Amino acid sequence: MKGRSFGERHFRVKGKRRPPANISPIARELRKRYKNFGHYNRKNPLDELLLILCSVKRGEKVYLRAFKTLKQAFPTFEKLNQASVKELTKQIEWGGLQNQKARSLKKITTAITGKFGKLSLAPLRKMPKEECEEFLCSLPGVGKKVARCVMLYSLGMKVFPVDTHCWRVSKRLGWIKANSKHKFCVSQDMDKLQNMVPPKLHLSLHVNMVSLGREFCLARSPKCHRCPIAQYCLKRGVTELR
C-alpha cells in the first residue's frame, strides 16, 4: 500500500472496506477509558427517537431535562399522540427551537400511527435492517444518523451511526476524507465509515468516539497531548492545539 499511512490502510472487499489497520488498538484504548458509556440512550426505540429529537442543538443537561419534562407531561405514548403542537412546545421549551421540534414531533407521531396503527416502533424489530432504516429515514426530520442511532441503541442492529464526534475523530485519524467540498459528513461518508468498522465494534466504537470527541478531540483546540489514542492519530486538519 505504497503512499498510504498506517491510519489509512483499508481496502475494498466484496463491496466492503477492510478496517483501518489501527482500529483494534484504538477501540481497545477507548474501551479502557470510557467503558462503553451509553450516553443515556433508551431501549425503547420511540423513546430513543424522542431523546434524539430533544438533543438537537442542545447540551446534555438541557436535552435530558427536556426529555424528562416531556415524559412527565405525557407518561404514555397514547397521551403523547393526543397532544397538540402547542402542548408539545410548552414541554420541550428548554434550550430553544421548541416550535420547530414540536412540529416535527407531531408529524412523526402522526406518520408512525398511520404506518402501524398505533404510536409504537416495536414493529421495526421484525423488519430487515435495510427496510427499518428506510422507514425511519422517511420520518420528518430523521436522517441516516438518527435512524442508525435508534437501530443501534434500541433495536440491537449492526449499524454504525456517524455523528459529529465520530466524523471528526475519523477524519483526524486519517480513516476517511470528506466527499463534500464543504467537508460536511454526507450520506456516502456515513456508509463508508460503517463499512470500515467491524460489526462487533459498532456499539463500543461509536459510544466511545462520542466520549472522546467531548473530552479530548474537540472541534476547536483539541487536547491532543492528553488524548488516549494520540499515538495512532495523524491529526489531519488540526491547526491549533490546546
Protein backbone atom coordinates (compact mmCIF):
# COMPACT_ATOMS: atom_id res chain seq x y z
CA MET A 1 0.00 0.00 0.00
CA LYS A 2 2.59 2.50 -1.13
CA GLY A 3 1.81 6.10 -0.31
CA ARG A 4 -0.68 5.33 2.47
CA SER A 5 -0.06 5.82 6.15
CA PHE A 6 -0.78 3.31 8.89
CA GLY A 7 -4.06 5.03 9.73
CA GLU A 8 -5.32 4.95 6.15
CA ARG A 9 -4.69 1.29 5.35
CA HIS A 10 -8.04 -0.11 4.26
CA PHE A 11 -9.26 -1.85 1.12
CA ARG A 12 -12.48 -2.78 -0.64
CA VAL A 13 -13.53 -6.39 -0.17
CA LYS A 14 -16.77 -7.61 -1.80
CA GLY A 15 -18.31 -4.14 -1.63
CA LYS A 16 -16.99 -3.57 1.88
CA ARG A 17 -13.81 -1.99 3.18
CA ARG A 18 -11.30 -3.71 5.35
CA PRO A 19 -10.95 -1.98 8.70
CA PRO A 20 -8.12 0.52 9.20
CA ALA A 21 -5.03 -1.31 10.46
CA ASN A 22 -5.11 0.54 13.78
CA ILE A 23 -8.80 0.13 14.55
CA SER A 24 -8.41 -2.69 17.10
CA PRO A 25 -5.86 -0.98 19.37
CA ILE A 26 -7.81 2.28 19.12
CA ALA A 27 -11.05 0.53 20.08
CA ARG A 28 -9.24 -1.18 22.96
CA GLU A 29 -7.81 2.07 24.35
CA LEU A 30 -11.13 3.87 24.08
CA ARG A 31 -12.99 0.99 25.74
CA LYS A 32 -10.44 1.01 28.56
CA ARG A 33 -11.00 4.70 29.22
CA TYR A 34 -14.74 5.12 28.64
CA LYS A 35 -16.07 1.63 29.34
CA ASN A 36 -18.74 1.87 26.61
CA PHE A 37 -20.69 4.59 28.39
CA GLY A 38 -24.16 4.65 26.81
CA HIS A 39 -24.91 8.40 26.90
CA TYR A 40 -28.35 7.89 28.49
CA ASN A 41 -29.80 6.22 25.41
CA ARG A 42 -33.10 4.33 25.67
CA LYS A 43 -34.00 0.71 24.97
CA ASN A 44 -37.44 1.64 23.66
CA PRO A 45 -36.95 2.82 20.05
CA LEU A 46 -39.63 5.51 20.24
CA ASP A 47 -38.16 6.89 23.45
CA GLU A 48 -34.76 6.92 21.78
CA LEU A 49 -36.14 8.85 18.84
CA LEU A 50 -37.74 11.37 21.20
CA LEU A 51 -34.50 11.74 23.15
CA ILE A 52 -32.52 12.43 19.99
CA LEU A 53 -35.08 15.00 18.84
CA CYS A 54 -34.74 16.78 22.20
CA SER A 55 -30.94 16.72 21.89
CA VAL A 56 -30.66 18.66 18.61
CA LYS A 57 -28.61 21.84 19.15
CA ARG A 58 -28.66 21.36 22.91
CA GLY A 59 -26.17 20.45 25.60
CA GLU A 60 -26.54 17.19 27.51
CA LYS A 61 -28.04 18.62 30.72
CA VAL A 62 -30.56 20.70 28.78
CA TYR A 63 -31.83 17.97 26.49
CA LEU A 64 -32.07 15.41 29.30
CA ARG A 65 -34.20 17.91 31.21
CA ALA A 66 -36.38 18.49 28.15
CA PHE A 67 -36.86 14.74 27.64
CA LYS A 68 -37.73 14.22 31.31
CA THR A 69 -40.26 17.05 31.19
CA LEU A 70 -41.82 15.61 28.03
CA LYS A 71 -42.18 12.14 29.57
CA GLN A 72 -43.66 13.55 32.77
CA ALA A 73 -46.23 15.55 30.84
CA PHE A 74 -47.15 12.62 28.57
CA PRO A 75 -46.39 9.42 30.53
CA THR A 76 -47.90 7.15 27.86
CA PHE A 77 -47.44 7.17 24.09
CA GLU A 78 -51.22 7.41 23.75
CA LYS A 79 -51.24 10.73 25.61
CA LEU A 80 -48.28 11.92 23.58
CA ASN A 81 -50.15 11.06 20.40
CA GLN A 82 -53.14 13.13 21.52
CA ALA A 83 -51.07 16.20 22.38
CA SER A 84 -51.30 19.32 20.23
CA VAL A 85 -48.29 21.15 18.82
CA LYS A 86 -48.90 23.92 21.37
CA GLU A 87 -48.86 21.43 24.25
CA LEU A 88 -45.70 19.79 22.94
CA THR A 89 -43.98 23.14 22.50
CA LYS A 90 -44.60 24.05 26.13
CA GLN A 91 -42.98 20.85 27.41
CA ILE A 92 -39.77 20.97 25.33
CA GLU A 93 -39.06 24.69 25.54
CA TRP A 94 -35.75 24.23 27.35
CA GLY A 95 -32.87 25.34 25.16
CA GLY A 96 -34.78 26.82 22.22
CA LEU A 97 -36.01 25.52 18.84
CA GLN A 98 -39.10 24.25 20.64
CA ASN A 99 -41.54 25.36 17.94
CA GLN A 100 -39.64 23.59 15.19
CA LYS A 101 -39.12 20.47 17.28
CA ALA A 102 -42.76 20.31 18.38
CA ARG A 103 -43.96 20.48 14.78
CA SER A 104 -41.52 17.74 13.77
CA LEU A 105 -42.57 15.61 16.73
CA LYS A 106 -46.25 15.91 15.82
CA LYS A 107 -45.55 14.96 12.21
CA ILE A 108 -43.50 11.97 13.36
CA THR A 109 -46.15 10.66 15.73
CA THR A 110 -48.79 11.04 13.01
CA ALA A 111 -46.64 9.19 10.46
CA ILE A 112 -45.85 6.30 12.83
CA THR A 113 -49.50 5.93 13.81
CA GLY A 114 -50.50 5.96 10.15
CA LYS A 115 -48.00 3.22 9.37
CA PHE A 116 -48.52 0.85 12.30
CA GLY A 117 -52.00 1.76 13.58
CA LYS A 118 -50.64 2.97 16.90
CA LEU A 119 -47.77 5.08 18.24
CA SER A 120 -45.11 2.40 18.52
CA LEU A 121 -41.87 1.48 16.80
CA ALA A 122 -41.94 -2.09 18.11
CA PRO A 123 -42.77 -3.46 14.61
CA LEU A 124 -39.31 -2.36 13.48
CA ARG A 125 -37.82 -5.23 15.47
CA LYS A 126 -39.18 -7.66 12.86
CA MET A 127 -38.02 -5.66 9.84
CA PRO A 128 -34.83 -6.34 7.85
CA LYS A 129 -32.14 -3.76 8.60
CA GLU A 130 -32.43 -2.01 5.23
CA GLU A 131 -36.22 -1.73 5.45
CA CYS A 132 -36.01 -0.44 9.01
CA GLU A 133 -33.55 2.28 8.05
CA GLU A 134 -35.64 3.26 5.03
CA PHE A 135 -38.75 3.70 7.16
CA LEU A 136 -37.01 5.72 9.86
CA CYS A 137 -35.43 8.00 7.26
CA SER A 138 -38.88 8.60 5.78
CA LEU A 139 -40.00 10.28 9.01
CA PRO A 140 -39.92 14.10 9.06
CA GLY A 141 -36.56 15.43 10.23
CA VAL A 142 -34.97 11.97 10.58
CA GLY A 143 -31.76 11.35 8.65
CA LYS A 144 -29.39 8.43 8.43
CA LYS A 145 -27.51 9.30 11.64
CA VAL A 146 -30.65 9.47 13.76
CA ALA A 147 -32.09 6.34 12.16
CA ARG A 148 -28.94 4.37 12.87
CA CYS A 149 -28.80 5.58 16.47
CA VAL A 150 -32.29 4.19 17.04
CA MET A 151 -31.32 0.96 15.25
CA LEU A 152 -28.10 0.53 17.23
CA TYR A 153 -29.17 1.53 20.73
CA SER A 154 -32.76 0.34 20.81
CA LEU A 155 -33.08 -2.38 18.20
CA GLY A 156 -29.66 -4.02 18.55
CA MET A 157 -28.95 -3.86 14.81
CA LYS A 158 -25.45 -3.92 13.37
CA VAL A 159 -25.06 -0.33 12.21
CA PHE A 160 -22.53 2.41 12.93
CA PRO A 161 -24.07 5.88 13.40
CA VAL A 162 -21.75 8.70 12.40
CA ASP A 163 -22.41 11.79 14.48
CA THR A 164 -20.29 14.93 14.57
CA HIS A 165 -17.81 13.38 17.03
CA CYS A 166 -17.33 10.11 15.13
CA TRP A 167 -16.88 12.10 11.93
CA ARG A 168 -14.30 14.47 13.41
CA VAL A 169 -12.30 11.71 15.10
CA SER A 170 -12.30 9.53 11.97
CA LYS A 171 -11.06 12.38 9.78
CA ARG A 172 -8.25 13.28 12.16
CA LEU A 173 -7.20 9.64 12.39
CA GLY A 174 -6.92 9.60 8.59
CA TRP A 175 -9.58 6.93 8.16
CA ILE A 176 -11.69 8.95 5.75
CA LYS A 177 -11.79 12.11 3.68
CA ALA A 178 -14.93 14.16 3.12
CA ASN A 179 -16.82 13.69 -0.13
CA SER A 180 -18.45 17.08 0.20
CA LYS A 181 -16.49 20.10 -0.98
CA HIS A 182 -17.71 21.80 2.20
CA LYS A 183 -16.17 18.99 4.32
CA PHE A 184 -19.52 18.07 5.83
CA CYS A 185 -20.40 14.47 6.53
CA VAL A 186 -22.80 13.32 3.82
CA SER A 187 -24.68 10.06 3.38
CA GLN A 188 -21.90 8.42 1.36
CA ASP A 189 -19.37 9.23 4.08
CA MET A 190 -21.58 7.58 6.69
CA ASP A 191 -21.82 4.45 4.58
CA LYS A 192 -18.06 4.35 4.01
CA LEU A 193 -17.32 4.57 7.71
CA GLN A 194 -19.94 1.98 8.56
CA ASN A 195 -18.38 -0.40 6.03
CA MET A 196 -14.94 0.10 7.61
CA VAL A 197 -15.97 -0.74 11.16
CA PRO A 198 -16.37 -4.45 12.03
CA PRO A 199 -19.90 -5.21 13.29
CA LYS A 200 -18.55 -6.39 16.64
CA LEU A 201 -17.18 -2.87 17.22
CA HIS A 202 -20.21 -0.88 16.07
CA LEU A 203 -21.61 -0.11 19.52
CA SER A 204 -18.43 0.28 21.54
CA LEU A 205 -16.54 2.35 18.97
CA HIS A 206 -19.49 4.66 18.41
CA VAL A 207 -20.20 5.45 22.07
CA ASN A 208 -16.52 5.75 22.94
CA MET A 209 -15.78 8.05 19.99
CA VAL A 210 -18.60 10.28 21.19
CA SER A 211 -16.98 10.39 24.63
CA LEU A 212 -13.56 11.10 23.12
CA GLY A 213 -14.98 13.90 20.99
CA ARG A 214 -16.48 15.54 24.04
CA GLU A 215 -13.43 15.24 26.27
CA PHE A 216 -10.33 15.48 24.05
CA CYS A 217 -11.00 15.60 20.30
CA LEU A 218 -12.82 18.91 20.44
CA ALA A 219 -13.84 20.77 17.30
CA ARG A 220 -11.58 23.66 18.25
CA SER A 221 -8.26 23.38 20.05
CA PRO A 222 -8.30 19.62 20.68
CA LYS A 223 -6.33 18.31 23.67
CA CYS A 224 -4.05 16.10 21.57
CA HIS A 225 -1.23 15.91 24.11
CA ARG A 226 -3.55 14.21 26.63
CA CYS A 227 -5.58 12.11 24.20
CA PRO A 228 -5.54 8.34 24.95
CA ILE A 229 -5.15 7.49 21.24
CA ALA A 230 -2.70 10.24 20.29
CA GLN A 231 -0.07 7.70 19.23
CA TYR A 232 -2.37 6.43 16.45
CA CYS A 233 -3.63 9.78 15.21
CA LEU A 234 -2.44 11.62 12.09
CA LYS A 235 -4.06 14.84 13.36
CA ARG A 236 -5.47 15.54 9.90
CA GLY A 237 -6.90 19.05 9.74
CA VAL A 238 -5.74 20.02 13.24
CA THR A 239 -4.23 23.51 13.14
CA GLU A 240 -4.45 24.59 16.76
CA LEU A 241 -3.80 22.51 19.86
CA ARG A 242 -4.75 23.21 23.44
